[in-house]
Amino acid sequence: MLTRAAAVLAAIWGAGLLGIAAAEARPDMVGYQGGYAPGTIVVKTSERRLYLIIDSDRALRYPVGVGRAGKQWSGAARIEGKYRNPAWAPPAEVKRDNPRIADVIAGGSPANPMGVAAMTLSGGGQYAIHGTNRPGSIGRFVSYGCIRMYNDDIDDLYRRVSVGTPVVVTQR
């Protein structure tokens, strides 16, 4: 009986029905030739991938969730701030679309969309690269323009980069 229950639980886990992504793995080292300086973060929206450039031939590749239709953006920015378990106040556009959402959601709350860490971006927008408590959203067009990562992956990237790191977001 225990073996059957374990098999059912394993099947549920593998199908992602527990809301936990089994693929929350570290990044892949991949070949990359894009002409960006080492240390640059490149987000390819169409691929739903974030690349951390290691050198002229290699990058670390992470799966991400990106802006939904009409919410995507492209351009250059820099990491402006780094925060662990940040509280989150929804931007005006999010609040307008979801008027019942709380004005502030405490860091560490399961309802907080920032996950375990966030890195805010310069450029006048309210965008960030951040974790998520909804791992099923990774690999999809889901946000208001922020770049979502698995919590394990944002934790890894957070440790590798610093304030001032260049970020390039492309639609291709």
N, C-alpha and C. Protein backbone atom coordinates (compact mmCIF):
# COMPACT_ATOMS: atom_id res chain seq x y z
N MET A 1 0.82 -1.19 0.00
CA MET A 1 0.00 0.00 0.00
C MET A 1 0.87 1.25 0.00
N LEU A 2 1.91 1.26 0.81
CA LEU A 2 2.80 2.42 0.87
C LEU A 2 3.48 2.64 -0.48
N THR A 3 3.85 1.55 -1.17
CA THR A 3 4.51 1.67 -2.45
C THR A 3 3.60 2.31 -3.48
N ARG A 4 2.32 1.92 -3.48
CA ARG A 4 1.35 2.51 -4.40
C ARG A 4 1.16 3.99 -4.09
N ALA A 5 1.05 4.35 -2.82
CA ALA A 5 0.89 5.75 -2.43
C ALA A 5 2.11 6.56 -2.85
N ALA A 6 3.30 5.99 -2.70
CA ALA A 6 4.52 6.69 -3.10
C ALA A 6 4.54 6.89 -4.61
N ALA A 7 4.07 5.88 -5.37
CA ALA A 7 4.04 6.01 -6.82
C ALA A 7 3.06 7.09 -7.26
N VAL A 8 1.90 7.17 -6.61
CA VAL A 8 0.91 8.20 -6.93
C VAL A 8 1.48 9.58 -6.62
N LEU A 9 2.11 9.72 -5.45
CA LEU A 9 2.71 11.00 -5.07
C LEU A 9 3.81 11.38 -6.07
N ALA A 10 4.62 10.43 -6.49
CA ALA A 10 5.68 10.71 -7.47
C ALA A 10 5.08 11.16 -8.80
N ALA A 11 3.98 10.54 -9.21
CA ALA A 11 3.32 10.94 -10.46
C ALA A 11 2.76 12.35 -10.36
N ILE A 12 2.15 12.67 -9.21
CA ILE A 12 1.62 14.02 -9.01
C ILE A 12 2.75 15.03 -9.03
N TRP A 13 3.85 14.72 -8.32
CA TRP A 13 5.01 15.62 -8.28
C TRP A 13 5.54 15.83 -9.69
N GLY A 14 5.73 14.74 -10.44
CA GLY A 14 6.28 14.83 -11.79
C GLY A 14 5.39 15.63 -12.73
N ALA A 15 4.09 15.59 -12.53
CA ALA A 15 3.17 16.33 -13.37
C ALA A 15 3.06 17.78 -12.94
N GLY A 16 3.66 18.14 -11.84
CA GLY A 16 3.63 19.52 -11.37
C GLY A 16 2.33 19.90 -10.70
N LEU A 17 1.53 18.93 -10.30
CA LEU A 17 0.23 19.22 -9.72
C LEU A 17 0.30 19.72 -8.29
N LEU A 18 1.46 19.62 -7.68
CA LEU A 18 1.61 20.15 -6.33
C LEU A 18 2.04 21.61 -6.35
N GLY A 19 2.17 22.19 -7.55
CA GLY A 19 2.59 23.58 -7.65
C GLY A 19 4.08 23.76 -7.44
N ILE A 20 4.83 22.69 -7.47
CA ILE A 20 6.27 22.74 -7.29
C ILE A 20 6.89 22.23 -8.58
N ALA A 21 7.71 23.01 -9.19
CA ALA A 21 8.32 22.61 -10.45
C ALA A 21 9.51 21.69 -10.18
N ALA A 22 9.45 20.51 -10.75
CA ALA A 22 10.54 19.56 -10.57
C ALA A 22 11.80 20.04 -11.29
N ALA A 23 11.65 20.96 -12.26
CA ALA A 23 12.77 21.41 -13.06
C ALA A 23 13.43 22.68 -12.51
N GLU A 24 13.32 22.94 -11.22
CA GLU A 24 13.94 24.13 -10.64
C GLU A 24 15.43 23.89 -10.48
N ALA A 25 16.11 23.75 -11.62
CA ALA A 25 17.51 23.38 -11.61
C ALA A 25 18.39 24.62 -11.78
N ARG A 26 19.64 24.43 -11.52
CA ARG A 26 20.63 25.47 -11.75
C ARG A 26 20.70 25.74 -13.25
N PRO A 27 21.34 26.85 -13.61
CA PRO A 27 21.39 27.20 -15.03
C PRO A 27 22.25 26.23 -15.85
N ASP A 28 22.02 26.26 -17.15
CA ASP A 28 22.83 25.48 -18.09
C ASP A 28 23.97 26.35 -18.60
N MET A 29 25.16 25.80 -18.72
CA MET A 29 26.26 26.48 -19.40
C MET A 29 26.07 26.19 -20.89
N VAL A 30 25.97 27.24 -21.69
CA VAL A 30 25.72 27.07 -23.12
C VAL A 30 26.70 27.92 -23.92
N GLY A 31 26.88 27.54 -25.18
CA GLY A 31 27.64 28.37 -26.09
C GLY A 31 26.84 29.63 -26.38
N TYR A 32 27.51 30.77 -26.44
CA TYR A 32 26.81 32.03 -26.70
C TYR A 32 27.74 32.99 -27.41
N GLN A 33 27.28 33.52 -28.52
CA GLN A 33 28.05 34.50 -29.26
C GLN A 33 27.12 35.65 -29.58
N GLY A 34 27.22 36.72 -28.83
CA GLY A 34 26.32 37.84 -29.06
C GLY A 34 27.01 39.18 -28.98
N GLY A 35 28.31 39.17 -28.69
CA GLY A 35 29.04 40.42 -28.65
C GLY A 35 28.86 41.22 -27.37
N TYR A 36 28.29 40.62 -26.32
CA TYR A 36 28.11 41.33 -25.05
C TYR A 36 29.31 41.08 -24.14
N ALA A 37 29.60 42.06 -23.30
CA ALA A 37 30.72 41.94 -22.37
C ALA A 37 30.41 40.91 -21.29
N PRO A 38 31.43 40.21 -20.81
CA PRO A 38 31.23 39.30 -19.69
C PRO A 38 30.57 40.03 -18.52
N GLY A 39 29.64 39.34 -17.87
CA GLY A 39 28.90 39.91 -16.75
C GLY A 39 27.57 40.53 -17.14
N THR A 40 27.33 40.71 -18.43
CA THR A 40 26.07 41.29 -18.91
C THR A 40 24.95 40.26 -18.80
N ILE A 41 23.78 40.71 -18.41
CA ILE A 41 22.57 39.88 -18.41
C ILE A 41 21.82 40.20 -19.70
N VAL A 42 21.48 39.17 -20.47
CA VAL A 42 20.70 39.34 -21.69
C VAL A 42 19.42 38.52 -21.54
N VAL A 43 18.27 39.18 -21.69
CA VAL A 43 16.99 38.49 -21.64
C VAL A 43 16.43 38.45 -23.05
N LYS A 44 16.19 37.26 -23.55
CA LYS A 44 15.58 37.08 -24.87
C LYS A 44 14.11 36.71 -24.64
N THR A 45 13.26 37.72 -24.79
CA THR A 45 11.84 37.56 -24.50
C THR A 45 11.21 36.43 -25.31
N SER A 46 11.51 36.38 -26.61
CA SER A 46 10.88 35.36 -27.45
C SER A 46 11.26 33.95 -27.03
N GLU A 47 12.45 33.79 -26.49
CA GLU A 47 12.91 32.47 -26.01
C GLU A 47 12.47 32.18 -24.58
N ARG A 48 12.12 33.24 -23.86
CA ARG A 48 11.83 33.12 -22.43
C ARG A 48 13.04 32.52 -21.71
N ARG A 49 14.20 33.17 -21.98
CA ARG A 49 15.46 32.76 -21.40
C ARG A 49 16.26 34.00 -20.99
N LEU A 50 17.00 33.87 -19.91
CA LEU A 50 17.92 34.89 -19.45
C LEU A 50 19.31 34.29 -19.54
N TYR A 51 20.24 35.06 -20.08
CA TYR A 51 21.62 34.62 -20.23
C TYR A 51 22.52 35.54 -19.40
N LEU A 52 23.41 34.96 -18.62
CA LEU A 52 24.46 35.70 -17.95
C LEU A 52 25.74 35.39 -18.73
N ILE A 53 26.28 36.41 -19.39
CA ILE A 53 27.44 36.21 -20.26
C ILE A 53 28.67 35.94 -19.39
N ILE A 54 29.33 34.82 -19.64
CA ILE A 54 30.52 34.41 -18.90
C ILE A 54 31.78 34.90 -19.61
N ASP A 55 31.85 34.67 -20.91
CA ASP A 55 32.98 35.13 -21.72
C ASP A 55 32.51 35.22 -23.16
N SER A 56 33.43 35.39 -24.12
CA SER A 56 33.01 35.60 -25.51
C SER A 56 32.36 34.38 -26.15
N ASP A 57 32.43 33.23 -25.50
CA ASP A 57 31.88 32.00 -26.08
C ASP A 57 30.83 31.29 -25.23
N ARG A 58 30.64 31.72 -23.97
CA ARG A 58 29.77 30.96 -23.08
C ARG A 58 28.88 31.87 -22.24
N ALA A 59 27.75 31.29 -21.85
CA ALA A 59 26.82 31.99 -20.97
C ALA A 59 26.10 30.97 -20.11
N LEU A 60 25.62 31.43 -18.96
CA LEU A 60 24.71 30.63 -18.15
C LEU A 60 23.30 30.96 -18.62
N ARG A 61 22.48 29.94 -18.86
CA ARG A 61 21.13 30.14 -19.37
C ARG A 61 20.12 29.71 -18.32
N TYR A 62 19.16 30.60 -18.05
CA TYR A 62 18.09 30.34 -17.09
C TYR A 62 16.74 30.47 -17.79
N PRO A 63 15.78 29.61 -17.47
CA PRO A 63 14.41 29.82 -17.98
C PRO A 63 13.74 30.94 -17.18
N VAL A 64 12.91 31.73 -17.85
CA VAL A 64 12.23 32.84 -17.18
C VAL A 64 10.80 32.99 -17.67
N GLY A 65 9.99 33.69 -16.90
CA GLY A 65 8.69 34.17 -17.34
C GLY A 65 8.87 35.64 -17.71
N VAL A 66 8.18 36.09 -18.75
CA VAL A 66 8.36 37.46 -19.25
C VAL A 66 7.00 38.14 -19.42
N GLY A 67 7.05 39.38 -19.89
CA GLY A 67 5.84 40.17 -20.07
C GLY A 67 4.85 39.55 -21.03
N ARG A 68 3.59 39.62 -20.65
CA ARG A 68 2.53 39.13 -21.53
C ARG A 68 2.32 40.11 -22.68
N ALA A 69 1.47 39.76 -23.62
CA ALA A 69 1.19 40.61 -24.78
C ALA A 69 0.79 42.00 -24.30
N GLY A 70 1.40 43.00 -24.89
CA GLY A 70 1.12 44.38 -24.54
C GLY A 70 1.88 44.87 -23.32
N LYS A 71 2.60 44.01 -22.64
CA LYS A 71 3.35 44.39 -21.43
C LYS A 71 4.86 44.20 -21.60
N GLN A 72 5.26 43.72 -22.76
CA GLN A 72 6.67 43.48 -23.00
C GLN A 72 7.40 44.78 -23.29
N TRP A 73 8.67 44.79 -23.02
CA TRP A 73 9.51 45.94 -23.33
C TRP A 73 10.87 45.44 -23.75
N SER A 74 11.64 46.30 -24.35
CA SER A 74 13.01 45.96 -24.70
C SER A 74 13.86 47.19 -24.48
N GLY A 75 15.14 46.96 -24.29
CA GLY A 75 16.05 48.06 -24.07
C GLY A 75 17.16 47.68 -23.12
N ALA A 76 17.92 48.69 -22.73
CA ALA A 76 19.06 48.49 -21.84
C ALA A 76 18.78 49.12 -20.49
N ALA A 77 19.27 48.48 -19.45
CA ALA A 77 19.12 48.97 -18.08
C ALA A 77 20.33 48.49 -17.29
N ARG A 78 20.32 48.77 -16.03
CA ARG A 78 21.33 48.25 -15.10
C ARG A 78 20.62 47.80 -13.84
N ILE A 79 21.24 46.88 -13.14
CA ILE A 79 20.68 46.49 -11.84
C ILE A 79 20.88 47.68 -10.91
N GLU A 80 19.78 48.16 -10.38
CA GLU A 80 19.79 49.36 -9.54
C GLU A 80 19.80 49.03 -8.05
N GLY A 81 19.16 47.90 -7.69
CA GLY A 81 19.11 47.50 -6.29
C GLY A 81 18.93 46.00 -6.18
N LYS A 82 19.40 45.44 -5.05
CA LYS A 82 19.26 44.01 -4.79
C LYS A 82 18.60 43.84 -3.43
N TYR A 83 17.58 42.97 -3.37
CA TYR A 83 16.78 42.83 -2.15
C TYR A 83 16.45 41.37 -1.89
N ARG A 84 16.60 40.94 -0.65
CA ARG A 84 16.20 39.59 -0.22
C ARG A 84 14.82 39.68 0.41
N ASN A 85 13.95 38.76 0.08
CA ASN A 85 12.58 38.70 0.61
C ASN A 85 11.93 40.08 0.66
N PRO A 86 11.87 40.75 -0.49
CA PRO A 86 11.35 42.11 -0.48
C PRO A 86 9.83 42.16 -0.30
N ALA A 87 9.37 43.18 0.39
CA ALA A 87 7.93 43.48 0.39
C ALA A 87 7.61 43.98 -1.01
N TRP A 88 6.34 43.92 -1.40
CA TRP A 88 5.95 44.34 -2.75
C TRP A 88 4.71 45.21 -2.68
N ALA A 89 4.78 46.34 -3.33
CA ALA A 89 3.63 47.22 -3.51
C ALA A 89 3.28 47.20 -4.99
N PRO A 90 2.08 46.79 -5.34
CA PRO A 90 1.74 46.70 -6.76
C PRO A 90 1.79 48.06 -7.44
N PRO A 91 2.41 48.13 -8.64
CA PRO A 91 2.37 49.37 -9.40
C PRO A 91 0.93 49.76 -9.74
N ALA A 92 0.73 51.01 -10.10
CA ALA A 92 -0.61 51.54 -10.38
C ALA A 92 -1.36 50.70 -11.41
N GLU A 93 -0.67 50.27 -12.46
CA GLU A 93 -1.33 49.48 -13.51
C GLU A 93 -1.84 48.14 -12.97
N VAL A 94 -1.06 47.49 -12.13
CA VAL A 94 -1.47 46.22 -11.53
C VAL A 94 -2.66 46.47 -10.60
N LYS A 95 -2.57 47.52 -9.81
CA LYS A 95 -3.65 47.85 -8.86
C LYS A 95 -4.93 48.18 -9.62
N ARG A 96 -4.81 48.88 -10.74
CA ARG A 96 -5.99 49.23 -11.55
C ARG A 96 -6.65 47.95 -12.09
N ASP A 97 -5.84 46.99 -12.53
CA ASP A 97 -6.38 45.74 -13.08
C ASP A 97 -6.88 44.80 -11.99
N ASN A 98 -6.34 44.94 -10.76
CA ASN A 98 -6.69 44.07 -9.64
C ASN A 98 -6.96 44.93 -8.41
N PRO A 99 -8.07 45.65 -8.38
CA PRO A 99 -8.29 46.61 -7.29
C PRO A 99 -8.35 45.99 -5.89
N ARG A 100 -8.60 44.72 -5.78
CA ARG A 100 -8.69 44.08 -4.46
C ARG A 100 -7.34 43.63 -3.91
N ILE A 101 -6.31 43.78 -4.70
CA ILE A 101 -4.99 43.36 -4.23
C ILE A 101 -4.54 44.30 -3.11
N ALA A 102 -3.84 43.75 -2.15
CA ALA A 102 -3.35 44.55 -1.03
C ALA A 102 -2.40 45.64 -1.51
N ASP A 103 -2.34 46.73 -0.78
CA ASP A 103 -1.44 47.84 -1.12
C ASP A 103 0.02 47.45 -0.95
N VAL A 104 0.29 46.58 0.02
CA VAL A 104 1.64 46.07 0.25
C VAL A 104 1.52 44.62 0.67
N ILE A 105 2.38 43.78 0.10
CA ILE A 105 2.42 42.37 0.48
C ILE A 105 3.80 42.13 1.10
N ALA A 106 3.80 41.65 2.31
CA ALA A 106 5.04 41.45 3.06
C ALA A 106 5.97 40.46 2.38
N GLY A 107 7.27 40.72 2.52
CA GLY A 107 8.27 39.78 2.03
C GLY A 107 8.12 38.45 2.76
N GLY A 108 8.31 37.37 2.03
CA GLY A 108 8.19 36.05 2.62
C GLY A 108 6.77 35.50 2.57
N SER A 109 5.79 36.34 2.27
CA SER A 109 4.41 35.87 2.17
C SER A 109 4.24 35.03 0.91
N PRO A 110 3.49 33.92 0.97
CA PRO A 110 3.24 33.14 -0.24
C PRO A 110 2.50 33.94 -1.31
N ALA A 111 1.82 35.02 -0.92
CA ALA A 111 1.10 35.86 -1.87
C ALA A 111 2.01 36.90 -2.53
N ASN A 112 3.25 37.02 -2.07
CA ASN A 112 4.17 38.01 -2.61
C ASN A 112 4.76 37.50 -3.92
N PRO A 113 4.53 38.20 -5.04
CA PRO A 113 5.01 37.71 -6.33
C PRO A 113 6.51 37.85 -6.55
N MET A 114 7.24 38.44 -5.62
CA MET A 114 8.67 38.66 -5.81
C MET A 114 9.53 37.46 -5.42
N GLY A 115 8.97 36.48 -4.74
CA GLY A 115 9.74 35.32 -4.35
C GLY A 115 10.82 35.68 -3.34
N VAL A 116 11.94 34.97 -3.39
CA VAL A 116 12.97 35.09 -2.37
C VAL A 116 13.93 36.26 -2.57
N ALA A 117 13.95 36.83 -3.77
CA ALA A 117 14.87 37.94 -4.04
C ALA A 117 14.39 38.71 -5.26
N ALA A 118 14.82 39.97 -5.31
CA ALA A 118 14.51 40.82 -6.47
C ALA A 118 15.69 41.74 -6.73
N MET A 119 15.88 42.02 -8.01
CA MET A 119 16.89 42.99 -8.43
C MET A 119 16.17 44.00 -9.31
N THR A 120 16.05 45.23 -8.82
CA THR A 120 15.34 46.26 -9.56
C THR A 120 16.23 46.79 -10.68
N LEU A 121 15.57 47.28 -11.74
CA LEU A 121 16.26 47.76 -12.92
C LEU A 121 16.13 49.27 -13.06
N SER A 122 17.18 49.91 -13.54
CA SER A 122 17.15 51.34 -13.80
C SER A 122 16.34 51.62 -15.06
N GLY A 123 16.11 52.86 -15.32
CA GLY A 123 15.45 53.22 -16.57
C GLY A 123 14.08 53.83 -16.39
N GLY A 124 13.68 54.13 -15.18
CA GLY A 124 12.42 54.83 -14.97
C GLY A 124 11.20 53.94 -14.87
N GLY A 125 11.33 52.68 -15.24
CA GLY A 125 10.18 51.77 -15.12
C GLY A 125 10.13 51.16 -13.74
N GLN A 126 9.16 50.32 -13.55
CA GLN A 126 9.02 49.62 -12.28
C GLN A 126 9.27 48.14 -12.51
N TYR A 127 10.37 47.85 -13.20
CA TYR A 127 10.67 46.47 -13.57
C TYR A 127 11.77 45.90 -12.68
N ALA A 128 11.73 44.56 -12.58
CA ALA A 128 12.72 43.85 -11.78
C ALA A 128 12.94 42.47 -12.37
N ILE A 129 14.05 41.89 -12.02
CA ILE A 129 14.29 40.47 -12.22
C ILE A 129 14.08 39.88 -10.84
N HIS A 130 13.14 38.94 -10.71
CA HIS A 130 12.79 38.46 -9.37
C HIS A 130 12.38 37.00 -9.37
N GLY A 131 12.34 36.44 -8.19
CA GLY A 131 11.85 35.08 -8.02
C GLY A 131 10.34 35.04 -8.15
N THR A 132 9.78 33.87 -7.92
CA THR A 132 8.32 33.75 -7.95
C THR A 132 7.88 32.61 -7.04
N ASN A 133 6.72 32.77 -6.47
CA ASN A 133 6.10 31.70 -5.69
C ASN A 133 5.13 30.91 -6.56
N ARG A 134 5.16 31.17 -7.86
CA ARG A 134 4.33 30.45 -8.84
C ARG A 134 5.24 29.86 -9.91
N PRO A 135 5.93 28.77 -9.59
CA PRO A 135 6.91 28.22 -10.53
C PRO A 135 6.31 27.80 -11.87
N GLY A 136 5.01 27.52 -11.91
CA GLY A 136 4.37 27.16 -13.17
C GLY A 136 4.33 28.30 -14.17
N SER A 137 4.64 29.52 -13.74
CA SER A 137 4.63 30.66 -14.65
C SER A 137 5.94 30.80 -15.42
N ILE A 138 6.96 30.08 -15.02
CA ILE A 138 8.25 30.17 -15.70
C ILE A 138 8.12 29.54 -17.09
N GLY A 139 8.71 30.22 -18.08
CA GLY A 139 8.62 29.74 -19.46
C GLY A 139 7.39 30.27 -20.18
N ARG A 140 6.70 31.22 -19.58
CA ARG A 140 5.47 31.74 -20.16
C ARG A 140 5.51 33.27 -20.27
N PHE A 141 4.55 33.80 -21.00
CA PHE A 141 4.34 35.24 -21.12
C PHE A 141 3.29 35.60 -20.07
N VAL A 142 3.72 36.08 -18.90
CA VAL A 142 2.81 36.17 -17.76
C VAL A 142 2.82 37.48 -16.99
N SER A 143 3.86 38.27 -17.10
CA SER A 143 4.03 39.40 -16.18
C SER A 143 3.60 40.72 -16.80
N TYR A 144 3.74 41.76 -16.02
CA TYR A 144 3.52 43.13 -16.47
C TYR A 144 4.83 43.73 -16.99
N GLY A 145 5.81 42.92 -17.25
CA GLY A 145 7.08 43.37 -17.79
C GLY A 145 8.28 42.92 -17.00
N CYS A 146 8.05 42.45 -15.78
CA CYS A 146 9.16 41.94 -14.97
C CYS A 146 9.63 40.60 -15.52
N ILE A 147 10.83 40.23 -15.14
CA ILE A 147 11.42 38.95 -15.53
C ILE A 147 11.35 38.05 -14.30
N ARG A 148 10.59 36.96 -14.40
CA ARG A 148 10.41 36.02 -13.29
C ARG A 148 11.36 34.85 -13.44
N MET A 149 11.89 34.41 -12.29
CA MET A 149 12.78 33.25 -12.28
C MET A 149 12.36 32.30 -11.16
N TYR A 150 12.73 31.03 -11.32
CA TYR A 150 12.57 30.11 -10.20
C TYR A 150 13.32 30.70 -9.01
N ASN A 151 12.84 30.46 -7.81
CA ASN A 151 13.51 30.99 -6.62
C ASN A 151 14.95 30.52 -6.51
N ASP A 152 15.22 29.25 -6.82
CA ASP A 152 16.60 28.75 -6.78
C ASP A 152 17.47 29.50 -7.79
N ASP A 153 16.91 29.81 -8.95
CA ASP A 153 17.68 30.48 -10.00
C ASP A 153 17.93 31.96 -9.66
N ILE A 154 16.95 32.66 -9.13
CA ILE A 154 17.20 34.06 -8.76
C ILE A 154 18.23 34.11 -7.63
N ASP A 155 18.18 33.14 -6.75
CA ASP A 155 19.16 33.08 -5.68
C ASP A 155 20.57 32.91 -6.27
N ASP A 156 20.70 32.04 -7.25
CA ASP A 156 21.98 31.81 -7.91
C ASP A 156 22.45 33.06 -8.64
N LEU A 157 21.58 33.67 -9.45
CA LEU A 157 21.94 34.87 -10.20
C LEU A 157 22.27 36.03 -9.26
N TYR A 158 21.50 36.17 -8.20
CA TYR A 158 21.70 37.23 -7.20
C TYR A 158 23.13 37.21 -6.66
N ARG A 159 23.63 36.01 -6.42
CA ARG A 159 24.99 35.87 -5.88
C ARG A 159 26.07 36.18 -6.92
N ARG A 160 25.74 36.03 -8.19
CA ARG A 160 26.73 36.19 -9.26
C ARG A 160 26.88 37.63 -9.77
N VAL A 161 25.88 38.48 -9.54
CA VAL A 161 25.91 39.83 -10.12
C VAL A 161 25.84 40.88 -9.02
N SER A 162 26.14 42.11 -9.40
CA SER A 162 26.14 43.21 -8.43
C SER A 162 25.34 44.39 -8.97
N VAL A 163 25.09 45.35 -8.09
CA VAL A 163 24.46 46.60 -8.51
C VAL A 163 25.34 47.19 -9.60
N GLY A 164 24.71 47.67 -10.66
CA GLY A 164 25.43 48.24 -11.80
C GLY A 164 25.58 47.28 -12.96
N THR A 165 25.29 46.00 -12.76
CA THR A 165 25.38 45.02 -13.85
C THR A 165 24.49 45.46 -15.00
N PRO A 166 25.03 45.46 -16.23
CA PRO A 166 24.19 45.81 -17.39
C PRO A 166 23.18 44.70 -17.71
N VAL A 167 21.99 45.13 -18.11
CA VAL A 167 20.91 44.22 -18.49
C VAL A 167 20.39 44.67 -19.85
N VAL A 168 20.27 43.73 -20.79
CA VAL A 168 19.73 44.01 -22.11
C VAL A 168 18.53 43.09 -22.30
N VAL A 169 17.37 43.67 -22.63
CA VAL A 169 16.17 42.90 -22.89
C VAL A 169 15.83 43.05 -24.37
N THR A 170 15.74 41.92 -25.08
CA THR A 170 15.42 41.94 -26.50
C THR A 170 14.13 41.17 -26.76
N GLN A 171 13.42 41.54 -27.79
CA GLN A 171 12.19 40.84 -28.18
C GLN A 171 12.50 39.58 -28.98
N ARG A 172 13.68 39.49 -29.53
CA ARG A 172 14.01 38.33 -30.38
C ARG A 172 14.56 37.20 -29.57
